[in-house]
Amino acid sequence: MNSSTFNPVSVLISLAVGWFVMAFLHALVASLFSAGTVELIPRVQAIAFFKDRRAAGLDIALIVVIGLVTNVLWFLAHRR
């Protein structure tokens, strides 16, 4: 496998895009369960901009867990 260089700008852009996608998906699921699709955009904004701290904390925890699991799987796959 070719070695690649670390680009912090690319990582920050990916994290920002991922954060907003995660906030949208979280708000979509919450809106579907509460049957309040009118509240979708305000709920996305509340999660994405940390106004709803509980939902934002849940999203951060999910991102950390997914990141840890995928990194462990990546390193285990490359050890073989």
N, C-alpha and C. Protein backbone atom coordinates (compact mmCIF):
# COMPACT_ATOMS: atom_id res chain seq x y z
N MET A 1 0.85 -1.18 0.00
CA MET A 1 0.00 0.00 0.00
C MET A 1 0.89 1.23 0.00
N ASN A 2 0.53 2.22 -0.80
CA ASN A 2 1.31 3.44 -0.87
C ASN A 2 1.10 4.27 0.38
N SER A 3 2.17 4.92 0.80
CA SER A 3 2.03 5.79 1.97
C SER A 3 1.41 7.10 1.52
N SER A 4 0.60 7.68 2.40
CA SER A 4 -0.04 8.95 2.09
C SER A 4 0.31 9.95 3.17
N THR A 5 0.24 11.21 2.81
CA THR A 5 0.56 12.26 3.77
C THR A 5 -0.71 12.71 4.48
N PHE A 6 -0.54 13.19 5.68
CA PHE A 6 -1.65 13.67 6.50
C PHE A 6 -1.96 15.10 6.10
N ASN A 7 -3.21 15.37 5.77
CA ASN A 7 -3.65 16.71 5.41
C ASN A 7 -4.69 17.17 6.43
N PRO A 8 -4.30 18.06 7.36
CA PRO A 8 -5.23 18.47 8.42
C PRO A 8 -6.44 19.25 7.90
N VAL A 9 -6.29 19.97 6.80
CA VAL A 9 -7.42 20.72 6.25
C VAL A 9 -8.48 19.75 5.73
N SER A 10 -8.04 18.72 5.07
CA SER A 10 -8.96 17.72 4.57
C SER A 10 -9.70 17.02 5.72
N VAL A 11 -8.98 16.75 6.79
CA VAL A 11 -9.61 16.11 7.96
C VAL A 11 -10.65 17.04 8.58
N LEU A 12 -10.33 18.31 8.71
CA LEU A 12 -11.28 19.26 9.30
C LEU A 12 -12.52 19.43 8.42
N ILE A 13 -12.34 19.48 7.12
CA ILE A 13 -13.48 19.59 6.21
C ILE A 13 -14.34 18.34 6.31
N SER A 14 -13.72 17.19 6.35
CA SER A 14 -14.47 15.94 6.46
C SER A 14 -15.24 15.87 7.78
N LEU A 15 -14.61 16.31 8.86
CA LEU A 15 -15.29 16.32 10.15
C LEU A 15 -16.48 17.27 10.16
N ALA A 16 -16.32 18.44 9.56
CA ALA A 16 -17.42 19.41 9.52
C ALA A 16 -18.59 18.88 8.70
N VAL A 17 -18.29 18.33 7.53
CA VAL A 17 -19.35 17.77 6.69
C VAL A 17 -20.02 16.59 7.41
N GLY A 18 -19.21 15.73 7.99
CA GLY A 18 -19.75 14.59 8.73
C GLY A 18 -20.62 15.02 9.90
N TRP A 19 -20.23 16.09 10.59
CA TRP A 19 -21.00 16.59 11.72
C TRP A 19 -22.39 17.03 11.27
N PHE A 20 -22.47 17.77 10.17
CA PHE A 20 -23.75 18.24 9.69
C PHE A 20 -24.61 17.10 9.13
N VAL A 21 -23.98 16.12 8.50
CA VAL A 21 -24.72 14.95 8.04
C VAL A 21 -25.27 14.17 9.24
N MET A 22 -24.44 14.00 10.27
CA MET A 22 -24.89 13.29 11.47
C MET A 22 -26.02 14.06 12.14
N ALA A 23 -25.92 15.37 12.22
CA ALA A 23 -26.99 16.17 12.82
C ALA A 23 -28.28 16.04 12.01
N PHE A 24 -28.16 16.04 10.68
CA PHE A 24 -29.35 15.89 9.84
C PHE A 24 -29.99 14.52 10.04
N LEU A 25 -29.18 13.46 10.03
CA LEU A 25 -29.73 12.12 10.20
C LEU A 25 -30.37 11.94 11.58
N HIS A 26 -29.73 12.50 12.60
CA HIS A 26 -30.29 12.43 13.95
C HIS A 26 -31.64 13.16 14.01
N ALA A 27 -31.69 14.35 13.43
CA ALA A 27 -32.93 15.12 13.43
C ALA A 27 -34.01 14.43 12.59
N LEU A 28 -33.61 13.79 11.50
CA LEU A 28 -34.57 13.08 10.67
C LEU A 28 -35.20 11.91 11.42
N VAL A 29 -34.37 11.14 12.09
CA VAL A 29 -34.88 10.01 12.86
C VAL A 29 -35.77 10.50 14.00
N ALA A 30 -35.35 11.54 14.69
CA ALA A 30 -36.17 12.08 15.78
C ALA A 30 -37.49 12.63 15.26
N SER A 31 -37.47 13.27 14.10
CA SER A 31 -38.70 13.80 13.52
C SER A 31 -39.63 12.69 13.07
N LEU A 32 -39.07 11.62 12.54
CA LEU A 32 -39.91 10.51 12.11
C LEU A 32 -40.58 9.82 13.30
N PHE A 33 -39.85 9.69 14.41
CA PHE A 33 -40.44 9.06 15.58
C PHE A 33 -41.47 9.95 16.27
N SER A 34 -41.27 11.25 16.20
CA SER A 34 -42.23 12.15 16.84
C SER A 34 -43.31 12.63 15.88
N ALA A 35 -43.23 12.21 14.61
CA ALA A 35 -44.19 12.59 13.56
C ALA A 35 -44.27 14.10 13.40
N GLY A 36 -43.15 14.78 13.60
CA GLY A 36 -43.10 16.23 13.45
C GLY A 36 -42.13 16.64 12.37
N THR A 37 -42.48 16.38 11.12
CA THR A 37 -41.54 16.68 10.03
C THR A 37 -41.38 18.18 9.80
N VAL A 38 -42.29 18.99 10.32
CA VAL A 38 -42.16 20.43 10.19
C VAL A 38 -40.98 20.93 11.03
N GLU A 39 -40.64 20.20 12.06
CA GLU A 39 -39.56 20.59 12.97
C GLU A 39 -38.19 20.13 12.50
N LEU A 40 -38.06 19.62 11.29
CA LEU A 40 -36.80 19.02 10.86
C LEU A 40 -35.65 20.03 10.82
N ILE A 41 -35.81 21.12 10.10
CA ILE A 41 -34.72 22.09 9.93
C ILE A 41 -34.35 22.76 11.26
N PRO A 42 -35.31 23.23 12.06
CA PRO A 42 -34.92 23.80 13.36
C PRO A 42 -34.21 22.78 14.26
N ARG A 43 -34.62 21.51 14.16
CA ARG A 43 -33.97 20.48 14.97
C ARG A 43 -32.55 20.22 14.49
N VAL A 44 -32.34 20.23 13.17
CA VAL A 44 -30.98 20.07 12.61
C VAL A 44 -30.10 21.21 13.11
N GLN A 45 -30.60 22.42 13.04
CA GLN A 45 -29.83 23.58 13.49
C GLN A 45 -29.53 23.50 14.98
N ALA A 46 -30.47 23.06 15.76
CA ALA A 46 -30.27 22.96 17.21
C ALA A 46 -29.18 21.94 17.53
N ILE A 47 -29.17 20.83 16.81
CA ILE A 47 -28.15 19.80 17.06
C ILE A 47 -26.80 20.26 16.53
N ALA A 48 -26.78 20.76 15.31
CA ALA A 48 -25.51 21.11 14.66
C ALA A 48 -24.80 22.26 15.36
N PHE A 49 -25.55 23.19 15.92
CA PHE A 49 -24.93 24.35 16.56
C PHE A 49 -24.96 24.26 18.08
N PHE A 50 -25.10 23.04 18.62
CA PHE A 50 -24.99 22.73 20.05
C PHE A 50 -26.01 23.44 20.92
N LYS A 51 -27.17 23.77 20.37
CA LYS A 51 -28.23 24.33 21.20
C LYS A 51 -28.94 23.22 21.98
N ASP A 52 -29.04 22.06 21.36
CA ASP A 52 -29.57 20.87 22.02
C ASP A 52 -28.35 20.04 22.45
N ARG A 53 -27.85 20.32 23.64
CA ARG A 53 -26.60 19.71 24.10
C ARG A 53 -26.70 18.20 24.26
N ARG A 54 -27.84 17.71 24.66
CA ARG A 54 -28.00 16.26 24.84
C ARG A 54 -27.90 15.52 23.50
N ALA A 55 -28.56 16.03 22.49
CA ALA A 55 -28.50 15.41 21.16
C ALA A 55 -27.11 15.56 20.56
N ALA A 56 -26.49 16.70 20.74
CA ALA A 56 -25.14 16.91 20.22
C ALA A 56 -24.15 15.99 20.94
N GLY A 57 -24.32 15.79 22.22
CA GLY A 57 -23.46 14.87 22.96
C GLY A 57 -23.61 13.44 22.48
N LEU A 58 -24.84 13.05 22.17
CA LEU A 58 -25.08 11.72 21.62
C LEU A 58 -24.38 11.56 20.28
N ASP A 59 -24.46 12.59 19.44
CA ASP A 59 -23.79 12.52 18.14
C ASP A 59 -22.28 12.45 18.30
N ILE A 60 -21.73 13.19 19.23
CA ILE A 60 -20.28 13.15 19.47
C ILE A 60 -19.88 11.76 19.94
N ALA A 61 -20.66 11.19 20.84
CA ALA A 61 -20.35 9.84 21.32
C ALA A 61 -20.41 8.82 20.18
N LEU A 62 -21.40 8.94 19.31
CA LEU A 62 -21.50 8.04 18.16
C LEU A 62 -20.31 8.18 17.23
N ILE A 63 -19.89 9.41 16.98
CA ILE A 63 -18.74 9.64 16.11
C ILE A 63 -17.48 9.04 16.72
N VAL A 64 -17.28 9.21 18.02
CA VAL A 64 -16.10 8.66 18.68
C VAL A 64 -16.11 7.13 18.62
N VAL A 65 -17.25 6.53 18.93
CA VAL A 65 -17.34 5.07 18.90
C VAL A 65 -17.12 4.53 17.49
N ILE A 66 -17.76 5.13 16.51
CA ILE A 66 -17.58 4.69 15.13
C ILE A 66 -16.12 4.86 14.70
N GLY A 67 -15.52 5.97 15.08
CA GLY A 67 -14.12 6.21 14.74
C GLY A 67 -13.19 5.19 15.37
N LEU A 68 -13.41 4.88 16.64
CA LEU A 68 -12.57 3.90 17.31
C LEU A 68 -12.72 2.51 16.71
N VAL A 69 -13.96 2.11 16.48
CA VAL A 69 -14.19 0.77 15.93
C VAL A 69 -13.60 0.65 14.53
N THR A 70 -13.81 1.64 13.68
CA THR A 70 -13.28 1.54 12.33
C THR A 70 -11.76 1.58 12.30
N ASN A 71 -11.15 2.36 13.19
CA ASN A 71 -9.68 2.38 13.24
C ASN A 71 -9.11 1.06 13.72
N VAL A 72 -9.74 0.47 14.72
CA VAL A 72 -9.28 -0.84 15.21
C VAL A 72 -9.41 -1.88 14.11
N LEU A 73 -10.54 -1.88 13.41
CA LEU A 73 -10.72 -2.83 12.31
C LEU A 73 -9.72 -2.59 11.19
N TRP A 74 -9.41 -1.34 10.90
CA TRP A 74 -8.43 -1.00 9.87
C TRP A 74 -7.05 -1.55 10.24
N PHE A 75 -6.62 -1.31 11.46
CA PHE A 75 -5.29 -1.78 11.87
C PHE A 75 -5.24 -3.30 11.94
N LEU A 76 -6.31 -3.92 12.39
CA LEU A 76 -6.34 -5.39 12.42
C LEU A 76 -6.31 -5.97 11.01
N ALA A 77 -6.96 -5.32 10.07
CA ALA A 77 -6.96 -5.81 8.70
C ALA A 77 -5.59 -5.66 8.06
N HIS A 78 -4.86 -4.62 8.42
CA HIS A 78 -3.54 -4.39 7.82
C HIS A 78 -2.43 -5.18 8.52
N ARG A 79 -2.71 -5.74 9.68
CA ARG A 79 -1.70 -6.58 10.35
C ARG A 79 -1.55 -7.93 9.70
N ARG A 80 -2.56 -8.37 9.00
CA ARG A 80 -2.53 -9.69 8.35
C ARG A 80 -1.59 -9.75 7.23
